[in-house]
Amino acid sequence: MPKGLLNWNFRDVTDFLKENGFEFNEQRKGSHEAWINVQTQAVVEINFHGSKSFRPKTLETMIRQSKIDKKIWREWTKH
């Protein structure tokens, strides 16, 4: 389980996105996937690389793409 904004892996990110209205949209080049929130039209691109954690800079990019406040991402780790 991630702690704050550290140690997020592919499954953590996709679980968070699903709980916040996102769904799988399409397979992209290589091992990348696009997830979309139909209401907000936000698209998050995620690189699947097993259970390895994303680098903080990569997670920051996904947070920005999601258009969901960083506080909500942090709070999700506490449930």
N, C-alpha and C. Protein backbone atom coordinates (compact mmCIF):
# COMPACT_ATOMS: atom_id res chain seq x y z
N MET A 1 0.85 -1.18 0.00
CA MET A 1 0.00 0.00 0.00
C MET A 1 0.89 1.24 0.00
N PRO A 2 0.51 2.22 -0.80
CA PRO A 2 1.31 3.44 -0.83
C PRO A 2 1.23 4.21 0.48
N LYS A 3 2.23 5.01 0.70
CA LYS A 3 2.26 5.87 1.88
C LYS A 3 2.35 7.30 1.37
N GLY A 4 1.27 8.06 1.57
CA GLY A 4 1.25 9.41 1.01
C GLY A 4 1.33 9.34 -0.50
N LEU A 5 2.34 9.98 -1.06
CA LEU A 5 2.52 9.94 -2.50
C LEU A 5 3.74 9.10 -2.89
N LEU A 6 4.13 8.19 -2.00
CA LEU A 6 5.26 7.31 -2.28
C LEU A 6 4.79 5.87 -2.43
N ASN A 7 5.54 5.11 -3.17
CA ASN A 7 5.32 3.67 -3.35
C ASN A 7 4.04 3.28 -4.07
N TRP A 8 3.53 4.11 -4.95
CA TRP A 8 2.37 3.76 -5.74
C TRP A 8 2.81 2.85 -6.88
N ASN A 9 2.10 1.73 -7.06
CA ASN A 9 2.38 0.86 -8.20
C ASN A 9 1.18 0.88 -9.15
N PHE A 10 1.27 0.11 -10.21
CA PHE A 10 0.22 0.10 -11.23
C PHE A 10 -1.15 -0.19 -10.64
N ARG A 11 -1.22 -1.22 -9.82
CA ARG A 11 -2.51 -1.61 -9.23
C ARG A 11 -3.08 -0.52 -8.32
N ASP A 12 -2.23 0.11 -7.53
CA ASP A 12 -2.69 1.21 -6.67
C ASP A 12 -3.30 2.33 -7.50
N VAL A 13 -2.61 2.71 -8.55
CA VAL A 13 -3.09 3.81 -9.40
C VAL A 13 -4.40 3.44 -10.08
N THR A 14 -4.48 2.24 -10.65
CA THR A 14 -5.72 1.86 -11.34
C THR A 14 -6.88 1.69 -10.36
N ASP A 15 -6.63 1.16 -9.16
CA ASP A 15 -7.69 1.06 -8.15
C ASP A 15 -8.20 2.44 -7.77
N PHE A 16 -7.28 3.38 -7.56
CA PHE A 16 -7.65 4.75 -7.22
C PHE A 16 -8.48 5.36 -8.35
N LEU A 17 -8.01 5.21 -9.58
CA LEU A 17 -8.72 5.80 -10.71
C LEU A 17 -10.13 5.21 -10.86
N LYS A 18 -10.27 3.90 -10.72
CA LYS A 18 -11.59 3.26 -10.81
C LYS A 18 -12.54 3.84 -9.77
N GLU A 19 -12.05 4.02 -8.55
CA GLU A 19 -12.89 4.55 -7.47
C GLU A 19 -13.25 6.02 -7.70
N ASN A 20 -12.55 6.66 -8.62
CA ASN A 20 -12.80 8.07 -8.89
C ASN A 20 -13.33 8.30 -10.30
N GLY A 21 -14.04 7.31 -10.83
CA GLY A 21 -14.79 7.47 -12.07
C GLY A 21 -14.03 7.22 -13.36
N PHE A 22 -12.84 6.67 -13.28
CA PHE A 22 -12.07 6.38 -14.49
C PHE A 22 -12.31 4.95 -14.93
N GLU A 23 -12.14 4.72 -16.23
CA GLU A 23 -12.22 3.37 -16.77
C GLU A 23 -11.15 3.20 -17.84
N PHE A 24 -10.78 1.94 -18.08
CA PHE A 24 -9.78 1.65 -19.10
C PHE A 24 -10.31 2.14 -20.44
N ASN A 25 -9.47 2.84 -21.19
CA ASN A 25 -9.88 3.36 -22.48
C ASN A 25 -9.24 2.61 -23.64
N GLU A 26 -7.90 2.53 -23.62
CA GLU A 26 -7.23 1.83 -24.72
C GLU A 26 -5.80 1.47 -24.37
N GLN A 27 -5.31 0.46 -25.09
CA GLN A 27 -3.91 0.09 -25.01
C GLN A 27 -3.14 1.05 -25.89
N ARG A 28 -2.03 1.54 -25.39
CA ARG A 28 -1.20 2.45 -26.18
C ARG A 28 0.14 1.80 -26.47
N LYS A 29 1.00 2.53 -27.07
CA LYS A 29 2.31 2.01 -27.49
C LYS A 29 3.02 1.30 -26.33
N GLY A 30 3.57 0.14 -26.64
CA GLY A 30 4.31 -0.63 -25.62
C GLY A 30 3.40 -1.10 -24.52
N SER A 31 3.79 -0.85 -23.30
CA SER A 31 3.00 -1.32 -22.15
C SER A 31 2.21 -0.18 -21.50
N HIS A 32 1.89 0.84 -22.27
CA HIS A 32 1.12 1.97 -21.74
C HIS A 32 -0.38 1.75 -21.94
N GLU A 33 -1.15 2.23 -20.98
CA GLU A 33 -2.60 2.18 -21.05
C GLU A 33 -3.14 3.59 -20.84
N ALA A 34 -4.26 3.88 -21.48
CA ALA A 34 -4.95 5.14 -21.26
C ALA A 34 -6.22 4.86 -20.46
N TRP A 35 -6.41 5.62 -19.39
CA TRP A 35 -7.60 5.54 -18.56
C TRP A 35 -8.31 6.89 -18.64
N ILE A 36 -9.64 6.85 -18.79
CA ILE A 36 -10.39 8.09 -19.00
C ILE A 36 -11.53 8.24 -17.99
N ASN A 37 -11.77 9.48 -17.61
CA ASN A 37 -12.95 9.83 -16.83
C ASN A 37 -13.89 10.50 -17.82
N VAL A 38 -14.98 9.84 -18.15
CA VAL A 38 -15.88 10.32 -19.19
C VAL A 38 -16.49 11.67 -18.83
N GLN A 39 -16.77 11.89 -17.56
CA GLN A 39 -17.38 13.16 -17.14
C GLN A 39 -16.44 14.34 -17.32
N THR A 40 -15.19 14.18 -16.90
CA THR A 40 -14.24 15.30 -16.95
C THR A 40 -13.38 15.29 -18.20
N GLN A 41 -13.42 14.18 -18.95
CA GLN A 41 -12.59 13.98 -20.13
C GLN A 41 -11.09 13.95 -19.81
N ALA A 42 -10.76 13.73 -18.55
CA ALA A 42 -9.36 13.61 -18.14
C ALA A 42 -8.85 12.25 -18.58
N VAL A 43 -7.65 12.22 -19.13
CA VAL A 43 -7.02 10.97 -19.57
C VAL A 43 -5.69 10.83 -18.85
N VAL A 44 -5.51 9.67 -18.22
CA VAL A 44 -4.27 9.37 -17.51
C VAL A 44 -3.58 8.23 -18.26
N GLU A 45 -2.32 8.45 -18.60
CA GLU A 45 -1.55 7.41 -19.25
C GLU A 45 -0.67 6.73 -18.21
N ILE A 46 -0.79 5.40 -18.15
CA ILE A 46 -0.07 4.62 -17.14
C ILE A 46 0.80 3.59 -17.85
N ASN A 47 2.02 3.48 -17.40
CA ASN A 47 2.94 2.47 -17.92
C ASN A 47 2.90 1.27 -16.98
N PHE A 48 2.47 0.12 -17.50
CA PHE A 48 2.43 -1.08 -16.67
C PHE A 48 3.83 -1.65 -16.55
N HIS A 49 4.33 -1.73 -15.33
CA HIS A 49 5.62 -2.38 -15.12
C HIS A 49 5.59 -3.22 -13.85
N GLY A 50 4.59 -4.07 -13.78
CA GLY A 50 4.49 -5.01 -12.66
C GLY A 50 4.22 -4.35 -11.34
N SER A 51 4.85 -4.86 -10.30
CA SER A 51 4.61 -4.35 -8.96
C SER A 51 5.60 -3.28 -8.55
N LYS A 52 6.47 -2.88 -9.46
CA LYS A 52 7.44 -1.83 -9.14
C LYS A 52 6.72 -0.50 -8.88
N SER A 53 7.25 0.28 -7.97
CA SER A 53 6.66 1.59 -7.66
C SER A 53 7.04 2.61 -8.71
N PHE A 54 6.11 3.54 -8.94
CA PHE A 54 6.39 4.65 -9.85
C PHE A 54 7.30 5.66 -9.17
N ARG A 55 8.15 6.29 -9.94
CA ARG A 55 8.96 7.37 -9.40
C ARG A 55 8.02 8.53 -9.05
N PRO A 56 8.35 9.31 -8.02
CA PRO A 56 7.48 10.43 -7.62
C PRO A 56 7.16 11.38 -8.77
N LYS A 57 8.12 11.65 -9.63
CA LYS A 57 7.87 12.56 -10.75
C LYS A 57 6.83 11.98 -11.72
N THR A 58 6.89 10.67 -11.92
CA THR A 58 5.92 10.00 -12.80
C THR A 58 4.53 10.06 -12.18
N LEU A 59 4.43 9.82 -10.87
CA LEU A 59 3.15 9.90 -10.19
C LEU A 59 2.59 11.31 -10.26
N GLU A 60 3.44 12.31 -10.10
CA GLU A 60 3.00 13.71 -10.20
C GLU A 60 2.36 13.98 -11.57
N THR A 61 2.94 13.42 -12.61
CA THR A 61 2.38 13.59 -13.96
C THR A 61 0.99 12.96 -14.03
N MET A 62 0.83 11.76 -13.48
CA MET A 62 -0.48 11.10 -13.50
C MET A 62 -1.50 11.89 -12.67
N ILE A 63 -1.08 12.44 -11.55
CA ILE A 63 -1.97 13.26 -10.73
C ILE A 63 -2.44 14.46 -11.53
N ARG A 64 -1.52 15.12 -12.19
CA ARG A 64 -1.87 16.29 -13.00
C ARG A 64 -2.83 15.90 -14.13
N GLN A 65 -2.57 14.78 -14.79
CA GLN A 65 -3.43 14.32 -15.88
C GLN A 65 -4.84 13.99 -15.39
N SER A 66 -4.95 13.49 -14.16
CA SER A 66 -6.25 13.07 -13.63
C SER A 66 -7.17 14.24 -13.29
N LYS A 67 -6.59 15.40 -13.08
CA LYS A 67 -7.35 16.59 -12.66
C LYS A 67 -8.00 16.40 -11.28
N ILE A 68 -7.44 15.47 -10.48
CA ILE A 68 -7.93 15.23 -9.12
C ILE A 68 -6.90 15.82 -8.16
N ASP A 69 -7.38 16.59 -7.21
CA ASP A 69 -6.50 17.25 -6.25
C ASP A 69 -5.57 16.25 -5.56
N LYS A 70 -4.33 16.65 -5.40
CA LYS A 70 -3.32 15.81 -4.78
C LYS A 70 -3.73 15.36 -3.37
N LYS A 71 -4.49 16.20 -2.66
CA LYS A 71 -4.95 15.84 -1.31
C LYS A 71 -5.81 14.57 -1.35
N ILE A 72 -6.62 14.43 -2.38
CA ILE A 72 -7.50 13.27 -2.51
C ILE A 72 -6.66 12.01 -2.74
N TRP A 73 -5.61 12.14 -3.54
CA TRP A 73 -4.70 11.01 -3.74
C TRP A 73 -4.08 10.59 -2.41
N ARG A 74 -3.62 11.57 -1.63
CA ARG A 74 -3.01 11.26 -0.33
C ARG A 74 -4.02 10.61 0.63
N GLU A 75 -5.22 11.17 0.68
CA GLU A 75 -6.24 10.66 1.59
C GLU A 75 -6.61 9.22 1.25
N TRP A 76 -6.61 8.87 -0.02
CA TRP A 76 -7.00 7.53 -0.44
C TRP A 76 -6.11 6.47 0.19
N THR A 77 -4.86 6.80 0.43
CA THR A 77 -3.92 5.82 1.00
C THR A 77 -4.27 5.48 2.45
N LYS A 78 -5.12 6.26 3.08
CA LYS A 78 -5.45 6.04 4.49
C LYS A 78 -6.65 5.12 4.68
N HIS A 79 -7.34 4.74 3.61
CA HIS A 79 -8.52 3.88 3.80
C HIS A 79 -8.21 2.43 3.70
